[in-house]
Amino acid sequence: MAETTTIQLEADGESDELTVPTTLVELLSEDGEDLTDVVGDMAMLALAQQAHGIVHHSQGEVDQQLAAAEEAAMDLFEERFGQSYAEMTGHDH
């Protein structure tokens, strides 16, 4: 079995652990990024993708609270990566 790394997540008094293949995370790192930065980037990307999909690709009306959460996710995405979700993914509406 491949070497793994366990990442601990904590938020608002709750916690979880995520075990990931170390080699995969190292492959995704840029310029010696810490493993935690890489996993954090992947989490932000996944959340942004999910929010985008729900708001822009679902059937029917989108709840205003959900639309606001998606907008906040996109703002935080741009703050973290220095470019918008559309710029990074080439997917724009």
PDB file of N, CA and C in Angstrom:
ATOM      1  N   MET A   1       0.847  -1.184   0.000  1.00  0.00           N
ATOM      2  CA  MET A   1       0.000   0.000   0.000  1.00  0.00           C
ATOM      3  C   MET A   1       0.891   1.245   0.000  1.00  0.00           C
ATOM      4  N   ALA A   2       0.423   2.288  -0.649  1.00  0.00           N
ATOM      5  CA  ALA A   2       1.162   3.548  -0.749  1.00  0.00           C
ATOM      6  C   ALA A   2       1.225   4.244   0.607  1.00  0.00           C
ATOM      7  N   GLU A   3       2.292   5.035   0.784  1.00  0.00           N
ATOM      8  CA  GLU A   3       2.422   5.843   1.996  1.00  0.00           C
ATOM      9  C   GLU A   3       1.273   6.844   2.041  1.00  0.00           C
ATOM     10  N   THR A   4       0.745   7.062   3.235  1.00  0.00           N
ATOM     11  CA  THR A   4      -0.361   7.999   3.391  1.00  0.00           C
ATOM     12  C   THR A   4      -0.015   9.072   4.412  1.00  0.00           C
ATOM     13  N   THR A   5      -0.755  10.149   4.353  1.00  0.00           N
ATOM     14  CA  THR A   5      -0.658  11.251   5.303  1.00  0.00           C
ATOM     15  C   THR A   5      -2.052  11.526   5.831  1.00  0.00           C
ATOM     16  N   THR A   6      -2.158  11.758   7.113  1.00  0.00           N
ATOM     17  CA  THR A   6      -3.449  12.079   7.708  1.00  0.00           C
ATOM     18  C   THR A   6      -3.519  13.576   7.961  1.00  0.00           C
ATOM     19  N   ILE A   7      -4.554  14.179   7.436  1.00  0.00           N
ATOM     20  CA  ILE A   7      -4.801  15.608   7.592  1.00  0.00           C
ATOM     21  C   ILE A   7      -5.924  15.759   8.609  1.00  0.00           C
ATOM     22  N   GLN A   8      -5.725  16.601   9.599  1.00  0.00           N
ATOM     23  CA  GLN A   8      -6.753  16.855  10.601  1.00  0.00           C
ATOM     24  C   GLN A   8      -7.500  18.132  10.245  1.00  0.00           C
ATOM     25  N   LEU A   9      -8.805  18.054  10.310  1.00  0.00           N
ATOM     26  CA  LEU A   9      -9.668  19.199  10.018  1.00  0.00           C
ATOM     27  C   LEU A   9     -10.366  19.610  11.309  1.00  0.00           C
ATOM     28  N   GLU A  10     -10.422  20.902  11.572  1.00  0.00           N
ATOM     29  CA  GLU A  10     -11.110  21.414  12.744  1.00  0.00           C
ATOM     30  C   GLU A  10     -11.915  22.643  12.361  1.00  0.00           C
ATOM     31  N   ALA A  11     -13.135  22.703  12.883  1.00  0.00           N
ATOM     32  CA  ALA A  11     -13.987  23.865  12.642  1.00  0.00           C
ATOM     33  C   ALA A  11     -15.068  23.929  13.708  1.00  0.00           C
ATOM     34  N   ASP A  12     -15.175  25.055  14.338  1.00  0.00           N
ATOM     35  CA  ASP A  12     -16.242  25.303  15.306  1.00  0.00           C
ATOM     36  C   ASP A  12     -16.394  24.185  16.331  1.00  0.00           C
ATOM     37  N   GLY A  13     -15.274  23.711  16.857  1.00  0.00           N
ATOM     38  CA  GLY A  13     -15.312  22.697  17.898  1.00  0.00           C
ATOM     39  C   GLY A  13     -15.494  21.264  17.409  1.00  0.00           C
ATOM     40  N   GLU A  14     -15.619  21.072  16.122  1.00  0.00           N
ATOM     41  CA  GLU A  14     -15.744  19.735  15.553  1.00  0.00           C
ATOM     42  C   GLU A  14     -14.455  19.401  14.824  1.00  0.00           C
ATOM     43  N   SER A  15     -14.195  18.104  14.668  1.00  0.00           N
ATOM     44  CA  SER A  15     -12.974  17.714  13.968  1.00  0.00           C
ATOM     45  C   SER A  15     -13.206  16.435  13.167  1.00  0.00           C
ATOM     46  N   ASP A  16     -12.341  16.227  12.214  1.00  0.00           N
ATOM     47  CA  ASP A  16     -12.370  15.032  11.378  1.00  0.00           C
ATOM     48  C   ASP A  16     -10.952  14.806  10.890  1.00  0.00           C
ATOM     49  N   GLU A  17     -10.705  13.627  10.388  1.00  0.00           N
ATOM     50  CA  GLU A  17      -9.414  13.309   9.806  1.00  0.00           C
ATOM     51  C   GLU A  17      -9.628  12.784   8.402  1.00  0.00           C
ATOM     52  N   LEU A  18      -8.682  13.114   7.534  1.00  0.00           N
ATOM     53  CA  LEU A  18      -8.722  12.665   6.153  1.00  0.00           C
ATOM     54  C   LEU A  18      -7.361  12.060   5.840  1.00  0.00           C
ATOM     55  N   THR A  19      -7.342  10.801   5.440  1.00  0.00           N
ATOM     56  CA  THR A  19      -6.091  10.150   5.088  1.00  0.00           C
ATOM     57  C   THR A  19      -5.980  10.125   3.574  1.00  0.00           C
ATOM     58  N   VAL A  20      -4.856  10.622   3.071  1.00  0.00           N
ATOM     59  CA  VAL A  20      -4.653  10.767   1.628  1.00  0.00           C
ATOM     60  C   VAL A  20      -3.314  10.147   1.237  1.00  0.00           C
ATOM     61  N   PRO A  21      -3.195   9.695  -0.010  1.00  0.00           N
ATOM     62  CA  PRO A  21      -1.900   9.185  -0.478  1.00  0.00           C
ATOM     63  C   PRO A  21      -0.883  10.329  -0.545  1.00  0.00           C
ATOM     64  N   THR A  22       0.226  10.192   0.154  1.00  0.00           N
ATOM     65  CA  THR A  22       1.236  11.242   0.221  1.00  0.00           C
ATOM     66  C   THR A  22       1.789  11.581  -1.154  1.00  0.00           C
ATOM     67  N   THR A  23       2.084  10.574  -1.964  1.00  0.00           N
ATOM     68  CA  THR A  23       2.653  10.806  -3.292  1.00  0.00           C
ATOM     69  C   THR A  23       1.717  11.641  -4.154  1.00  0.00           C
ATOM     70  N   LEU A  24       0.430  11.377  -4.080  1.00  0.00           N
ATOM     71  CA  LEU A  24      -0.542  12.133  -4.872  1.00  0.00           C
ATOM     72  C   LEU A  24      -0.555  13.600  -4.459  1.00  0.00           C
ATOM     73  N   VAL A  25      -0.561  13.845  -3.170  1.00  0.00           N
ATOM     74  CA  VAL A  25      -0.575  15.230  -2.697  1.00  0.00           C
ATOM     75  C   VAL A  25       0.720  15.933  -3.084  1.00  0.00           C
ATOM     76  N   GLU A  26       1.845  15.239  -2.973  1.00  0.00           N
ATOM     77  CA  GLU A  26       3.117  15.830  -3.382  1.00  0.00           C
ATOM     78  C   GLU A  26       3.122  16.133  -4.876  1.00  0.00           C
ATOM     79  N   LEU A  27       2.524  15.276  -5.677  1.00  0.00           N
ATOM     80  CA  LEU A  27       2.434  15.496  -7.118  1.00  0.00           C
ATOM     81  C   LEU A  27       1.645  16.762  -7.437  1.00  0.00           C
ATOM     82  N   LEU A  28       0.623  17.025  -6.649  1.00  0.00           N
ATOM     83  CA  LEU A  28      -0.223  18.200  -6.881  1.00  0.00           C
ATOM     84  C   LEU A  28       0.359  19.488  -6.302  1.00  0.00           C
ATOM     85  N   SER A  29       1.421  19.380  -5.512  1.00  0.00           N
ATOM     86  CA  SER A  29       1.999  20.572  -4.896  1.00  0.00           C
ATOM     87  C   SER A  29       2.800  21.365  -5.919  1.00  0.00           C
ATOM     88  N   GLU A  30       2.905  22.652  -5.667  1.00  0.00           N
ATOM     89  CA  GLU A  30       3.685  23.543  -6.517  1.00  0.00           C
ATOM     90  C   GLU A  30       4.748  24.218  -5.668  1.00  0.00           C
ATOM     91  N   ASP A  31       5.971  24.231  -6.154  1.00  0.00           N
ATOM     92  CA  ASP A  31       7.070  24.937  -5.495  1.00  0.00           C
ATOM     93  C   ASP A  31       7.200  24.596  -4.011  1.00  0.00           C
ATOM     94  N   GLY A  32       7.115  23.310  -3.679  1.00  0.00           N
ATOM     95  CA  GLY A  32       7.325  22.890  -2.301  1.00  0.00           C
ATOM     96  C   GLY A  32       6.226  23.269  -1.330  1.00  0.00           C
ATOM     97  N   GLU A  33       5.006  23.433  -1.814  1.00  0.00           N
ATOM     98  CA  GLU A  33       3.886  23.745  -0.925  1.00  0.00           C
ATOM     99  C   GLU A  33       3.767  22.679   0.159  1.00  0.00           C
ATOM    100  N   ASP A  34       3.320  23.084   1.320  1.00  0.00           N
ATOM    101  CA  ASP A  34       3.023  22.138   2.388  1.00  0.00           C
ATOM    102  C   ASP A  34       1.842  21.262   1.987  1.00  0.00           C
ATOM    103  N   LEU A  35       1.829  20.036   2.499  1.00  0.00           N
ATOM    104  CA  LEU A  35       0.720  19.125   2.202  1.00  0.00           C
ATOM    105  C   LEU A  35      -0.622  19.719   2.625  1.00  0.00           C
ATOM    106  N   THR A  36      -0.623  20.442   3.741  1.00  0.00           N
ATOM    107  CA  THR A  36      -1.879  21.031   4.205  1.00  0.00           C
ATOM    108  C   THR A  36      -2.386  22.102   3.243  1.00  0.00           C
ATOM    109  N   ASP A  37      -1.462  22.864   2.641  1.00  0.00           N
ATOM    110  CA  ASP A  37      -1.870  23.875   1.659  1.00  0.00           C
ATOM    111  C   ASP A  37      -2.497  23.216   0.432  1.00  0.00           C
ATOM    112  N   VAL A  38      -1.899  22.122  -0.009  1.00  0.00           N
ATOM    113  CA  VAL A  38      -2.417  21.419  -1.187  1.00  0.00           C
ATOM    114  C   VAL A  38      -3.815  20.876  -0.904  1.00  0.00           C
ATOM    115  N   VAL A  39      -3.993  20.237   0.235  1.00  0.00           N
ATOM    116  CA  VAL A  39      -5.306  19.688   0.582  1.00  0.00           C
ATOM    117  C   VAL A  39      -6.316  20.821   0.770  1.00  0.00           C
ATOM    118  N   GLY A  40      -5.894  21.922   1.359  1.00  0.00           N
ATOM    119  CA  GLY A  40      -6.773  23.083   1.492  1.00  0.00           C
ATOM    120  C   GLY A  40      -7.191  23.637   0.141  1.00  0.00           C
ATOM    121  N   ASP A  41      -6.234  23.722  -0.788  1.00  0.00           N
ATOM    122  CA  ASP A  41      -6.556  24.181  -2.144  1.00  0.00           C
ATOM    123  C   ASP A  41      -7.566  23.257  -2.810  1.00  0.00           C
ATOM    124  N   MET A  42      -7.353  21.956  -2.646  1.00  0.00           N
ATOM    125  CA  MET A  42      -8.266  20.986  -3.258  1.00  0.00           C
ATOM    126  C   MET A  42      -9.663  21.077  -2.648  1.00  0.00           C
ATOM    127  N   ALA A  43      -9.727  21.312  -1.344  1.00  0.00           N
ATOM    128  CA  ALA A  43     -11.023  21.479  -0.685  1.00  0.00           C
ATOM    129  C   ALA A  43     -11.735  22.721  -1.209  1.00  0.00           C
ATOM    130  N   MET A  44     -10.999  23.830  -1.347  1.00  0.00           N
ATOM    131  CA  MET A  44     -11.610  25.059  -1.861  1.00  0.00           C
ATOM    132  C   MET A  44     -12.100  24.860  -3.288  1.00  0.00           C
ATOM    133  N   LEU A  45     -11.292  24.209  -4.115  1.00  0.00           N
ATOM    134  CA  LEU A  45     -11.686  23.937  -5.493  1.00  0.00           C
ATOM    135  C   LEU A  45     -12.938  23.066  -5.542  1.00  0.00           C
ATOM    136  N   ALA A  46     -12.984  22.016  -4.735  1.00  0.00           N
ATOM    137  CA  ALA A  46     -14.141  21.127  -4.722  1.00  0.00           C
ATOM    138  C   ALA A  46     -15.404  21.852  -4.260  1.00  0.00           C
ATOM    139  N   LEU A  47     -15.291  22.662  -3.220  1.00  0.00           N
ATOM    140  CA  LEU A  47     -16.449  23.414  -2.743  1.00  0.00           C
ATOM    141  C   LEU A  47     -16.935  24.411  -3.788  1.00  0.00           C
ATOM    142  N   ALA A  48     -16.001  25.083  -4.445  1.00  0.00           N
ATOM    143  CA  ALA A  48     -16.384  26.037  -5.495  1.00  0.00           C
ATOM    144  C   ALA A  48     -17.063  25.321  -6.657  1.00  0.00           C
ATOM    145  N   GLN A  49     -16.539  24.165  -7.049  1.00  0.00           N
ATOM    146  CA  GLN A  49     -17.146  23.393  -8.142  1.00  0.00           C
ATOM    147  C   GLN A  49     -18.566  22.967  -7.784  1.00  0.00           C
ATOM    148  N   GLN A  50     -18.751  22.483  -6.568  1.00  0.00           N
ATOM    149  CA  GLN A  50     -20.077  22.051  -6.136  1.00  0.00           C
ATOM    150  C   GLN A  50     -21.049  23.225  -6.083  1.00  0.00           C
ATOM    151  N   ALA A  51     -20.611  24.334  -5.509  1.00  0.00           N
ATOM    152  CA  ALA A  51     -21.473  25.517  -5.415  1.00  0.00           C
ATOM    153  C   ALA A  51     -21.852  26.011  -6.806  1.00  0.00           C
ATOM    154  N   HIS A  52     -20.866  26.076  -7.697  1.00  0.00           N
ATOM    155  CA  HIS A  52     -21.128  26.516  -9.064  1.00  0.00           C
ATOM    156  C   HIS A  52     -22.142  25.596  -9.746  1.00  0.00           C
ATOM    157  N   GLY A  53     -21.931  24.304  -9.619  1.00  0.00           N
ATOM    158  CA  GLY A  53     -22.830  23.337 -10.251  1.00  0.00           C
ATOM    159  C   GLY A  53     -24.258  23.455  -9.745  1.00  0.00           C
ATOM    160  N   ILE A  54     -24.408  23.598  -8.439  1.00  0.00           N
ATOM    161  CA  ILE A  54     -25.744  23.698  -7.851  1.00  0.00           C
ATOM    162  C   ILE A  54     -26.447  24.968  -8.320  1.00  0.00           C
ATOM    163  N   VAL A  55     -25.743  26.088  -8.302  1.00  0.00           N
ATOM    164  CA  VAL A  55     -26.365  27.370  -8.627  1.00  0.00           C
ATOM    165  C   VAL A  55     -26.577  27.550 -10.131  1.00  0.00           C
ATOM    166  N   HIS A  56     -25.619  27.129 -10.945  1.00  0.00           N
ATOM    167  CA  HIS A  56     -25.686  27.445 -12.369  1.00  0.00           C
ATOM    168  C   HIS A  56     -26.106  26.283 -13.272  1.00  0.00           C
ATOM    169  N   HIS A  57     -26.167  25.079 -12.745  1.00  0.00           N
ATOM    170  CA  HIS A  57     -26.481  23.939 -13.601  1.00  0.00           C
ATOM    171  C   HIS A  57     -27.613  23.075 -13.074  1.00  0.00           C
ATOM    172  N   SER A  58     -28.343  23.549 -12.079  1.00  0.00           N
ATOM    173  CA  SER A  58     -29.464  22.775 -11.559  1.00  0.00           C
ATOM    174  C   SER A  58     -30.765  23.255 -12.199  1.00  0.00           C
ATOM    175  N   GLN A  59     -31.754  22.424 -12.094  1.00  0.00           N
ATOM    176  CA  GLN A  59     -33.076  22.741 -12.641  1.00  0.00           C
ATOM    177  C   GLN A  59     -33.826  23.652 -11.677  1.00  0.00           C
ATOM    178  N   GLY A  60     -34.566  24.605 -12.192  1.00  0.00           N
ATOM    179  CA  GLY A  60     -35.421  25.441 -11.364  1.00  0.00           C
ATOM    180  C   GLY A  60     -34.715  26.603 -10.701  1.00  0.00           C
ATOM    181  N   GLU A  61     -35.478  27.276  -9.853  1.00  0.00           N
ATOM    182  CA  GLU A  61     -34.988  28.449  -9.137  1.00  0.00           C
ATOM    183  C   GLU A  61     -34.010  28.052  -8.046  1.00  0.00           C
ATOM    184  N   VAL A  62     -33.052  28.922  -7.835  1.00  0.00           N
ATOM    185  CA  VAL A  62     -32.062  28.713  -6.781  1.00  0.00           C
ATOM    186  C   VAL A  62     -32.406  29.626  -5.617  1.00  0.00           C
ATOM    187  N   ASP A  63     -32.420  29.060  -4.430  1.00  0.00           N
ATOM    188  CA  ASP A  63     -32.682  29.803  -3.213  1.00  0.00           C
ATOM    189  C   ASP A  63     -31.687  30.959  -3.093  1.00  0.00           C
ATOM    190  N   GLN A  64     -32.167  32.117  -2.674  1.00  0.00           N
ATOM    191  CA  GLN A  64     -31.317  33.304  -2.577  1.00  0.00           C
ATOM    192  C   GLN A  64     -30.166  33.108  -1.588  1.00  0.00           C
ATOM    193  N   GLN A  65     -30.408  32.380  -0.511  1.00  0.00           N
ATOM    194  CA  GLN A  65     -29.360  32.109   0.471  1.00  0.00           C
ATOM    195  C   GLN A  65     -28.264  31.244  -0.145  1.00  0.00           C
ATOM    196  N   LEU A  66     -28.648  30.271  -0.958  1.00  0.00           N
ATOM    197  CA  LEU A  66     -27.678  29.422  -1.636  1.00  0.00           C
ATOM    198  C   LEU A  66     -26.887  30.219  -2.674  1.00  0.00           C
ATOM    199  N   ALA A  67     -27.563  31.091  -3.403  1.00  0.00           N
ATOM    200  CA  ALA A  67     -26.874  31.938  -4.383  1.00  0.00           C
ATOM    201  C   ALA A  67     -25.860  32.848  -3.687  1.00  0.00           C
ATOM    202  N   ALA A  68     -26.214  33.362  -2.525  1.00  0.00           N
ATOM    203  CA  ALA A  68     -25.289  34.214  -1.770  1.00  0.00           C
ATOM    204  C   ALA A  68     -24.089  33.405  -1.266  1.00  0.00           C
ATOM    205  N   ALA A  69     -24.335  32.160  -0.866  1.00  0.00           N
ATOM    206  CA  ALA A  69     -23.242  31.298  -0.414  1.00  0.00           C
ATOM    207  C   ALA A  69     -22.297  30.987  -1.572  1.00  0.00           C
ATOM    208  N   GLU A  70     -22.845  30.769  -2.762  1.00  0.00           N
ATOM    209  CA  GLU A  70     -22.010  30.508  -3.938  1.00  0.00           C
ATOM    210  C   GLU A  70     -21.176  31.735  -4.270  1.00  0.00           C
ATOM    211  N   GLU A  71     -21.762  32.905  -4.171  1.00  0.00           N
ATOM    212  CA  GLU A  71     -21.035  34.150  -4.439  1.00  0.00           C
ATOM    213  C   GLU A  71     -19.896  34.334  -3.431  1.00  0.00           C
ATOM    214  N   ALA A  72     -20.171  34.036  -2.173  1.00  0.00           N
ATOM    215  CA  ALA A  72     -19.131  34.131  -1.140  1.00  0.00           C
ATOM    216  C   ALA A  72     -18.017  33.125  -1.413  1.00  0.00           C
ATOM    217  N   ALA A  73     -18.386  31.908  -1.830  1.00  0.00           N
ATOM    218  CA  ALA A  73     -17.384  30.889  -2.157  1.00  0.00           C
ATOM    219  C   ALA A  73     -16.495  31.360  -3.299  1.00  0.00           C
ATOM    220  N   MET A  74     -17.085  32.002  -4.289  1.00  0.00           N
ATOM    221  CA  MET A  74     -16.294  32.483  -5.426  1.00  0.00           C
ATOM    222  C   MET A  74     -15.361  33.629  -5.015  1.00  0.00           C
ATOM    223  N   ASP A  75     -15.828  34.483  -4.116  1.00  0.00           N
ATOM    224  CA  ASP A  75     -14.972  35.555  -3.598  1.00  0.00           C
ATOM    225  C   ASP A  75     -13.794  34.976  -2.814  1.00  0.00           C
ATOM    226  N   LEU A  76     -14.069  33.993  -1.973  1.00  0.00           N
ATOM    227  CA  LEU A  76     -13.010  33.352  -1.191  1.00  0.00           C
ATOM    228  C   LEU A  76     -12.053  32.569  -2.086  1.00  0.00           C
ATOM    229  N   PHE A  77     -12.593  31.961  -3.138  1.00  0.00           N
ATOM    230  CA  PHE A  77     -11.775  31.244  -4.116  1.00  0.00           C
ATOM    231  C   PHE A  77     -10.775  32.206  -4.745  1.00  0.00           C
ATOM    232  N   GLU A  78     -11.267  33.349  -5.203  1.00  0.00           N
ATOM    233  CA  GLU A  78     -10.402  34.337  -5.854  1.00  0.00           C
ATOM    234  C   GLU A  78      -9.367  34.893  -4.872  1.00  0.00           C
ATOM    235  N   GLU A  79      -9.783  35.087  -3.625  1.00  0.00           N
ATOM    236  CA  GLU A  79      -8.855  35.565  -2.608  1.00  0.00           C
ATOM    237  C   GLU A  79      -7.728  34.543  -2.382  1.00  0.00           C
ATOM    238  N   ARG A  80      -8.072  33.275  -2.368  1.00  0.00           N
ATOM    239  CA  ARG A  80      -7.075  32.225  -2.111  1.00  0.00           C
ATOM    240  C   ARG A  80      -6.133  32.026  -3.287  1.00  0.00           C
ATOM    241  N   PHE A  81      -6.678  32.013  -4.509  1.00  0.00           N
ATOM    242  CA  PHE A  81      -5.886  31.660  -5.682  1.00  0.00           C
ATOM    243  C   PHE A  81      -5.398  32.843  -6.509  1.00  0.00           C
ATOM    244  N   GLY A  82      -5.910  34.037  -6.246  1.00  0.00           N
ATOM    245  CA  GLY A  82      -5.475  35.206  -6.989  1.00  0.00           C
ATOM    246  C   GLY A  82      -6.063  35.286  -8.390  1.00  0.00           C
ATOM    247  N   GLN A  83      -7.046  34.474  -8.656  1.00  0.00           N
ATOM    248  CA  GLN A  83      -7.780  34.527  -9.925  1.00  0.00           C
ATOM    249  C   GLN A  83      -9.175  33.952  -9.702  1.00  0.00           C
ATOM    250  N   SER A  84     -10.083  34.321 -10.574  1.00  0.00           N
ATOM    251  CA  SER A  84     -11.462  33.873 -10.404  1.00  0.00           C
ATOM    252  C   SER A  84     -11.603  32.401 -10.779  1.00  0.00           C
ATOM    253  N   TYR A  85     -12.709  31.827 -10.352  1.00  0.00           N
ATOM    254  CA  TYR A  85     -13.035  30.441 -10.704  1.00  0.00           C
ATOM    255  C   TYR A  85     -13.099  30.309 -12.225  1.00  0.00           C
ATOM    256  N   ALA A  86     -13.726  31.278 -12.886  1.00  0.00           N
ATOM    257  CA  ALA A  86     -13.845  31.250 -14.346  1.00  0.00           C
ATOM    258  C   ALA A  86     -12.469  31.300 -14.999  1.00  0.00           C
ATOM    259  N   GLU A  87     -11.582  32.150 -14.503  1.00  0.00           N
ATOM    260  CA  GLU A  87     -10.245  32.242 -15.069  1.00  0.00           C
ATOM    261  C   GLU A  87      -9.473  30.940 -14.869  1.00  0.00           C
ATOM    262  N   MET A  88      -9.578  30.359 -13.693  1.00  0.00           N
ATOM    263  CA  MET A  88      -8.804  29.155 -13.400  1.00  0.00           C
ATOM    264  C   MET A  88      -9.325  27.938 -14.156  1.00  0.00           C
ATOM    265  N   THR A  89     -10.618  27.833 -14.298  1.00  0.00           N
ATOM    266  CA  THR A  89     -11.205  26.633 -14.913  1.00  0.00           C
ATOM    267  C   THR A  89     -11.555  26.808 -16.386  1.00  0.00           C
ATOM    268  N   GLY A  90     -11.588  28.058 -16.853  1.00  0.00           N
ATOM    269  CA  GLY A  90     -12.008  28.294 -18.230  1.00  0.00           C
ATOM    270  C   GLY A  90     -13.501  28.117 -18.418  1.00  0.00           C
ATOM    271  N   HIS A  91     -14.223  28.101 -17.319  1.00  0.00           N
ATOM    272  CA  HIS A  91     -15.677  27.880 -17.336  1.00  0.00           C
ATOM    273  C   HIS A  91     -16.355  29.139 -16.828  1.00  0.00           C
ATOM    274  N   ASP A  92     -17.032  29.853 -17.724  1.00  0.00           N
ATOM    275  CA  ASP A  92     -17.645  31.121 -17.369  1.00  0.00           C
ATOM    276  C   ASP A  92     -19.075  31.152 -17.892  1.00  0.00           C
ATOM    277  N   HIS A  93     -19.921  31.871 -17.180  1.00  0.00           N
ATOM    278  CA  HIS A  93     -21.318  32.043 -17.629  1.00  0.00           C
ATOM    279  C   HIS A  93     -21.569  33.495 -17.868  1.00  0.00           C
TER     280      HIS A  93
END
